[in-house]
Amino acid sequence: MRFKTYDEMCQEVNKEWAIIKKPTIKDIIEIARKLQITKEEVRECVGLKDFLDFEVNLND
């Protein structure tokens, strides 16, 4: 599935994310596969990328 804009992609990702009760890394992978995008794009759309980048930087 290809999207016209970043906003359209994020809307679709967030729609899928909202269905999940207790999301895990496996859910991120499944959404990425289903929508044919990267795990990083899923993380960005659901707001986890900045958090994970920040956490990694704290541990350096």
PDB file of N, CA and C in Angstrom:
ATOM      1  N   MET A   1       0.850  -1.170   0.000  1.00  0.00           N
ATOM      2  CA  MET A   1       0.000   0.000   0.000  1.00  0.00           C
ATOM      3  C   MET A   1       0.897   1.234   0.000  1.00  0.00           C
ATOM      4  N   ARG A   2       0.656   2.151  -0.875  1.00  0.00           N
ATOM      5  CA  ARG A   2       1.422   3.387  -0.927  1.00  0.00           C
ATOM      6  C   ARG A   2       0.510   4.554  -0.615  1.00  0.00           C
ATOM      7  N   PHE A   3       1.067   5.525   0.046  1.00  0.00           N
ATOM      8  CA  PHE A   3       0.306   6.672   0.504  1.00  0.00           C
ATOM      9  C   PHE A   3       0.720   7.907  -0.274  1.00  0.00           C
ATOM     10  N   LYS A   4      -0.199   8.857  -0.390  1.00  0.00           N
ATOM     11  CA  LYS A   4       0.111  10.091  -1.102  1.00  0.00           C
ATOM     12  C   LYS A   4       0.896  11.054  -0.222  1.00  0.00           C
ATOM     13  N   THR A   5       0.569  11.110   1.048  1.00  0.00           N
ATOM     14  CA  THR A   5       1.236  12.057   1.936  1.00  0.00           C
ATOM     15  C   THR A   5       1.635  11.381   3.241  1.00  0.00           C
ATOM     16  N   TYR A   6       2.512  12.055   3.955  1.00  0.00           N
ATOM     17  CA  TYR A   6       2.921  11.602   5.286  1.00  0.00           C
ATOM     18  C   TYR A   6       1.713  11.540   6.215  1.00  0.00           C
ATOM     19  N   ASP A   7       0.853  12.546   6.155  1.00  0.00           N
ATOM     20  CA  ASP A   7      -0.342  12.571   7.009  1.00  0.00           C
ATOM     21  C   ASP A   7      -1.254  11.387   6.742  1.00  0.00           C
ATOM     22  N   GLU A   8      -1.431  11.022   5.478  1.00  0.00           N
ATOM     23  CA  GLU A   8      -2.272   9.868   5.145  1.00  0.00           C
ATOM     24  C   GLU A   8      -1.672   8.585   5.706  1.00  0.00           C
ATOM     25  N   MET A   9      -0.356   8.454   5.601  1.00  0.00           N
ATOM     26  CA  MET A   9       0.309   7.273   6.147  1.00  0.00           C
ATOM     27  C   MET A   9       0.104   7.213   7.658  1.00  0.00           C
ATOM     28  N   CYS A  10       0.318   8.334   8.332  1.00  0.00           N
ATOM     29  CA  CYS A  10       0.169   8.353   9.789  1.00  0.00           C
ATOM     30  C   CYS A  10      -1.262   8.079  10.218  1.00  0.00           C
ATOM     31  N   GLN A  11      -2.220   8.568   9.471  1.00  0.00           N
ATOM     32  CA  GLN A  11      -3.622   8.293   9.794  1.00  0.00           C
ATOM     33  C   GLN A  11      -3.898   6.795   9.732  1.00  0.00           C
ATOM     34  N   GLU A  12      -3.393   6.144   8.706  1.00  0.00           N
ATOM     35  CA  GLU A  12      -3.598   4.699   8.562  1.00  0.00           C
ATOM     36  C   GLU A  12      -2.890   3.927   9.668  1.00  0.00           C
ATOM     37  N   VAL A  13      -1.660   4.310   9.982  1.00  0.00           N
ATOM     38  CA  VAL A  13      -0.907   3.654  11.055  1.00  0.00           C
ATOM     39  C   VAL A  13      -1.630   3.834  12.382  1.00  0.00           C
ATOM     40  N   ASN A  14      -2.047   5.044  12.678  1.00  0.00           N
ATOM     41  CA  ASN A  14      -2.719   5.306  13.951  1.00  0.00           C
ATOM     42  C   ASN A  14      -4.065   4.597  14.047  1.00  0.00           C
ATOM     43  N   LYS A  15      -4.733   4.419  12.929  1.00  0.00           N
ATOM     44  CA  LYS A  15      -5.981   3.647  12.907  1.00  0.00           C
ATOM     45  C   LYS A  15      -5.706   2.198  13.314  1.00  0.00           C
ATOM     46  N   GLU A  16      -4.651   1.622  12.756  1.00  0.00           N
ATOM     47  CA  GLU A  16      -4.263   0.249  13.109  1.00  0.00           C
ATOM     48  C   GLU A  16      -3.800   0.169  14.565  1.00  0.00           C
ATOM     49  N   TRP A  17      -3.029   1.145  15.003  1.00  0.00           N
ATOM     50  CA  TRP A  17      -2.480   1.172  16.363  1.00  0.00           C
ATOM     51  C   TRP A  17      -3.592   1.255  17.408  1.00  0.00           C
ATOM     52  N   ALA A  18      -4.643   2.020  17.104  1.00  0.00           N
ATOM     53  CA  ALA A  18      -5.744   2.216  18.048  1.00  0.00           C
ATOM     54  C   ALA A  18      -6.524   0.926  18.319  1.00  0.00           C
ATOM     55  N   ILE A  19      -6.493   0.002  17.399  1.00  0.00           N
ATOM     56  CA  ILE A  19      -7.212  -1.273  17.548  1.00  0.00           C
ATOM     57  C   ILE A  19      -6.549  -2.172  18.583  1.00  0.00           C
ATOM     58  N   ILE A  20      -5.252  -2.012  18.770  1.00  0.00           N
ATOM     59  CA  ILE A  20      -4.464  -2.900  19.628  1.00  0.00           C
ATOM     60  C   ILE A  20      -4.602  -2.486  21.092  1.00  0.00           C
ATOM     61  N   LYS A  21      -4.923  -3.435  21.945  1.00  0.00           N
ATOM     62  CA  LYS A  21      -5.120  -3.148  23.373  1.00  0.00           C
ATOM     63  C   LYS A  21      -3.800  -2.901  24.107  1.00  0.00           C
ATOM     64  N   LYS A  22      -2.849  -3.820  23.974  1.00  0.00           N
ATOM     65  CA  LYS A  22      -1.548  -3.692  24.626  1.00  0.00           C
ATOM     66  C   LYS A  22      -0.473  -3.927  23.573  1.00  0.00           C
ATOM     67  N   PRO A  23      -0.078  -2.867  22.864  1.00  0.00           N
ATOM     68  CA  PRO A  23       0.866  -3.034  21.756  1.00  0.00           C
ATOM     69  C   PRO A  23       2.253  -3.484  22.195  1.00  0.00           C
ATOM     70  N   THR A  24       2.874  -4.275  21.344  1.00  0.00           N
ATOM     71  CA  THR A  24       4.235  -4.757  21.567  1.00  0.00           C
ATOM     72  C   THR A  24       5.054  -4.497  20.304  1.00  0.00           C
ATOM     73  N   ILE A  25       6.336  -4.833  20.357  1.00  0.00           N
ATOM     74  CA  ILE A  25       7.204  -4.697  19.184  1.00  0.00           C
ATOM     75  C   ILE A  25       6.676  -5.539  18.032  1.00  0.00           C
ATOM     76  N   LYS A  26       6.073  -6.664  18.339  1.00  0.00           N
ATOM     77  CA  LYS A  26       5.502  -7.515  17.290  1.00  0.00           C
ATOM     78  C   LYS A  26       4.392  -6.792  16.543  1.00  0.00           C
ATOM     79  N   ASP A  27       3.627  -5.989  17.261  1.00  0.00           N
ATOM     80  CA  ASP A  27       2.554  -5.230  16.617  1.00  0.00           C
ATOM     81  C   ASP A  27       3.118  -4.176  15.663  1.00  0.00           C
ATOM     82  N   ILE A  28       4.214  -3.553  16.046  1.00  0.00           N
ATOM     83  CA  ILE A  28       4.866  -2.575  15.171  1.00  0.00           C
ATOM     84  C   ILE A  28       5.301  -3.261  13.874  1.00  0.00           C
ATOM     85  N   ILE A  29       5.874  -4.441  14.009  1.00  0.00           N
ATOM     86  CA  ILE A  29       6.324  -5.195  12.836  1.00  0.00           C
ATOM     87  C   ILE A  29       5.143  -5.585  11.965  1.00  0.00           C
ATOM     88  N   GLU A  30       4.067  -6.048  12.571  1.00  0.00           N
ATOM     89  CA  GLU A  30       2.882  -6.462  11.811  1.00  0.00           C
ATOM     90  C   GLU A  30       2.250  -5.290  11.068  1.00  0.00           C
ATOM     91  N   ILE A  31       2.160  -4.143  11.708  1.00  0.00           N
ATOM     92  CA  ILE A  31       1.608  -2.958  11.044  1.00  0.00           C
ATOM     93  C   ILE A  31       2.500  -2.565   9.872  1.00  0.00           C
ATOM     94  N   ALA A  32       3.805  -2.595  10.082  1.00  0.00           N
ATOM     95  CA  ALA A  32       4.744  -2.255   9.009  1.00  0.00           C
ATOM     96  C   ALA A  32       4.562  -3.197   7.817  1.00  0.00           C
ATOM     97  N   ARG A  33       4.458  -4.464   8.087  1.00  0.00           N
ATOM     98  CA  ARG A  33       4.265  -5.441   7.001  1.00  0.00           C
ATOM     99  C   ARG A  33       2.938  -5.219   6.286  1.00  0.00           C
ATOM    100  N   LYS A  34       1.888  -5.042   7.077  1.00  0.00           N
ATOM    101  CA  LYS A  34       0.551  -4.870   6.506  1.00  0.00           C
ATOM    102  C   LYS A  34       0.491  -3.646   5.597  1.00  0.00           C
ATOM    103  N   LEU A  35       1.097  -2.547   6.028  1.00  0.00           N
ATOM    104  CA  LEU A  35       1.022  -1.302   5.271  1.00  0.00           C
ATOM    105  C   LEU A  35       2.200  -1.112   4.317  1.00  0.00           C
ATOM    106  N   GLN A  36       3.119  -2.078   4.315  1.00  0.00           N
ATOM    107  CA  GLN A  36       4.300  -2.052   3.450  1.00  0.00           C
ATOM    108  C   GLN A  36       5.140  -0.787   3.668  1.00  0.00           C
ATOM    109  N   ILE A  37       5.430  -0.536   4.934  1.00  0.00           N
ATOM    110  CA  ILE A  37       6.293   0.576   5.324  1.00  0.00           C
ATOM    111  C   ILE A  37       7.319   0.035   6.314  1.00  0.00           C
ATOM    112  N   THR A  38       8.242   0.877   6.748  1.00  0.00           N
ATOM    113  CA  THR A  38       9.277   0.419   7.673  1.00  0.00           C
ATOM    114  C   THR A  38       8.799   0.509   9.120  1.00  0.00           C
ATOM    115  N   LYS A  39       9.493  -0.231   9.987  1.00  0.00           N
ATOM    116  CA  LYS A  39       9.197  -0.153  11.423  1.00  0.00           C
ATOM    117  C   LYS A  39       9.436   1.262  11.929  1.00  0.00           C
ATOM    118  N   GLU A  40      10.456   1.918  11.397  1.00  0.00           N
ATOM    119  CA  GLU A  40      10.774   3.279  11.822  1.00  0.00           C
ATOM    120  C   GLU A  40       9.642   4.244  11.479  1.00  0.00           C
ATOM    121  N   GLU A  41       9.010   4.028  10.331  1.00  0.00           N
ATOM    122  CA  GLU A  41       7.870   4.875   9.958  1.00  0.00           C
ATOM    123  C   GLU A  41       6.699   4.652  10.904  1.00  0.00           C
ATOM    124  N   VAL A  42       6.476   3.406  11.294  1.00  0.00           N
ATOM    125  CA  VAL A  42       5.405   3.120  12.260  1.00  0.00           C
ATOM    126  C   VAL A  42       5.725   3.798  13.586  1.00  0.00           C
ATOM    127  N   ARG A  43       6.963   3.648  14.067  1.00  0.00           N
ATOM    128  CA  ARG A  43       7.366   4.277  15.328  1.00  0.00           C
ATOM    129  C   ARG A  43       7.178   5.785  15.284  1.00  0.00           C
ATOM    130  N   GLU A  44       7.542   6.387  14.163  1.00  0.00           N
ATOM    131  CA  GLU A  44       7.399   7.843  14.009  1.00  0.00           C
ATOM    132  C   GLU A  44       5.926   8.245  14.087  1.00  0.00           C
ATOM    133  N   CYS A  45       5.075   7.524  13.394  1.00  0.00           N
ATOM    134  CA  CYS A  45       3.648   7.870  13.337  1.00  0.00           C
ATOM    135  C   CYS A  45       2.944   7.719  14.689  1.00  0.00           C
ATOM    136  N   VAL A  46       3.348   6.746  15.476  1.00  0.00           N
ATOM    137  CA  VAL A  46       2.685   6.545  16.773  1.00  0.00           C
ATOM    138  C   VAL A  46       3.367   7.304  17.897  1.00  0.00           C
ATOM    139  N   GLY A  47       4.467   8.003  17.577  1.00  0.00           N
ATOM    140  CA  GLY A  47       5.125   8.848  18.565  1.00  0.00           C
ATOM    141  C   GLY A  47       6.184   8.163  19.407  1.00  0.00           C
ATOM    142  N   LEU A  48       6.620   6.990  19.003  1.00  0.00           N
ATOM    143  CA  LEU A  48       7.631   6.269  19.780  1.00  0.00           C
ATOM    144  C   LEU A  48       9.055   6.578  19.362  1.00  0.00           C
ATOM    145  N   LYS A  49       9.261   7.049  18.157  1.00  0.00           N
ATOM    146  CA  LYS A  49      10.617   7.259  17.657  1.00  0.00           C
ATOM    147  C   LYS A  49      11.390   8.255  18.516  1.00  0.00           C
ATOM    148  N   ASP A  50      10.796   9.399  18.793  1.00  0.00           N
ATOM    149  CA  ASP A  50      11.484  10.408  19.604  1.00  0.00           C
ATOM    150  C   ASP A  50      11.792   9.871  20.995  1.00  0.00           C
ATOM    151  N   PHE A  51      10.849   9.175  21.583  1.00  0.00           N
ATOM    152  CA  PHE A  51      11.055   8.599  22.909  1.00  0.00           C
ATOM    153  C   PHE A  51      12.222   7.612  22.890  1.00  0.00           C
ATOM    154  N   LEU A  52      12.218   6.706  21.918  1.00  0.00           N
ATOM    155  CA  LEU A  52      13.277   5.707  21.847  1.00  0.00           C
ATOM    156  C   LEU A  52      14.628   6.340  21.536  1.00  0.00           C
ATOM    157  N   ASP A  53      14.648   7.336  20.664  1.00  0.00           N
ATOM    158  CA  ASP A  53      15.904   8.043  20.373  1.00  0.00           C
ATOM    159  C   ASP A  53      16.424   8.730  21.623  1.00  0.00           C
ATOM    160  N   PHE A  54      15.539   9.336  22.383  1.00  0.00           N
ATOM    161  CA  PHE A  54      15.938  10.025  23.603  1.00  0.00           C
ATOM    162  C   PHE A  54      16.473   9.029  24.633  1.00  0.00           C
ATOM    163  N   GLU A  55      15.801   7.919  24.807  1.00  0.00           N
ATOM    164  CA  GLU A  55      16.243   6.897  25.748  1.00  0.00           C
ATOM    165  C   GLU A  55      17.606   6.353  25.368  1.00  0.00           C
ATOM    166  N   VAL A  56      17.837   6.114  24.101  1.00  0.00           N
ATOM    167  CA  VAL A  56      19.116   5.591  23.644  1.00  0.00           C
ATOM    168  C   VAL A  56      20.205   6.609  23.927  1.00  0.00           C
ATOM    169  N   ASN A  57      19.938   7.887  23.690  1.00  0.00           N
ATOM    170  CA  ASN A  57      20.934   8.932  23.944  1.00  0.00           C
ATOM    171  C   ASN A  57      21.264   9.059  25.425  1.00  0.00           C
ATOM    172  N   LEU A  58      20.311   8.795  26.295  1.00  0.00           N
ATOM    173  CA  LEU A  58      20.581   8.863  27.734  1.00  0.00           C
ATOM    174  C   LEU A  58      21.558   7.787  28.169  1.00  0.00           C
ATOM    175  N   ASN A  59      21.558   6.676  27.460  1.00  0.00           N
ATOM    176  CA  ASN A  59      22.401   5.544  27.835  1.00  0.00           C
ATOM    177  C   ASN A  59      23.789   5.597  27.210  1.00  0.00           C
ATOM    178  N   ASP A  60      24.066   6.592  26.374  1.00  0.00           N
ATOM    179  CA  ASP A  60      25.400   6.689  25.746  1.00  0.00           C
ATOM    180  C   ASP A  60      26.450   7.128  26.715  1.00  0.00           C
TER     181      ASP A  60
END
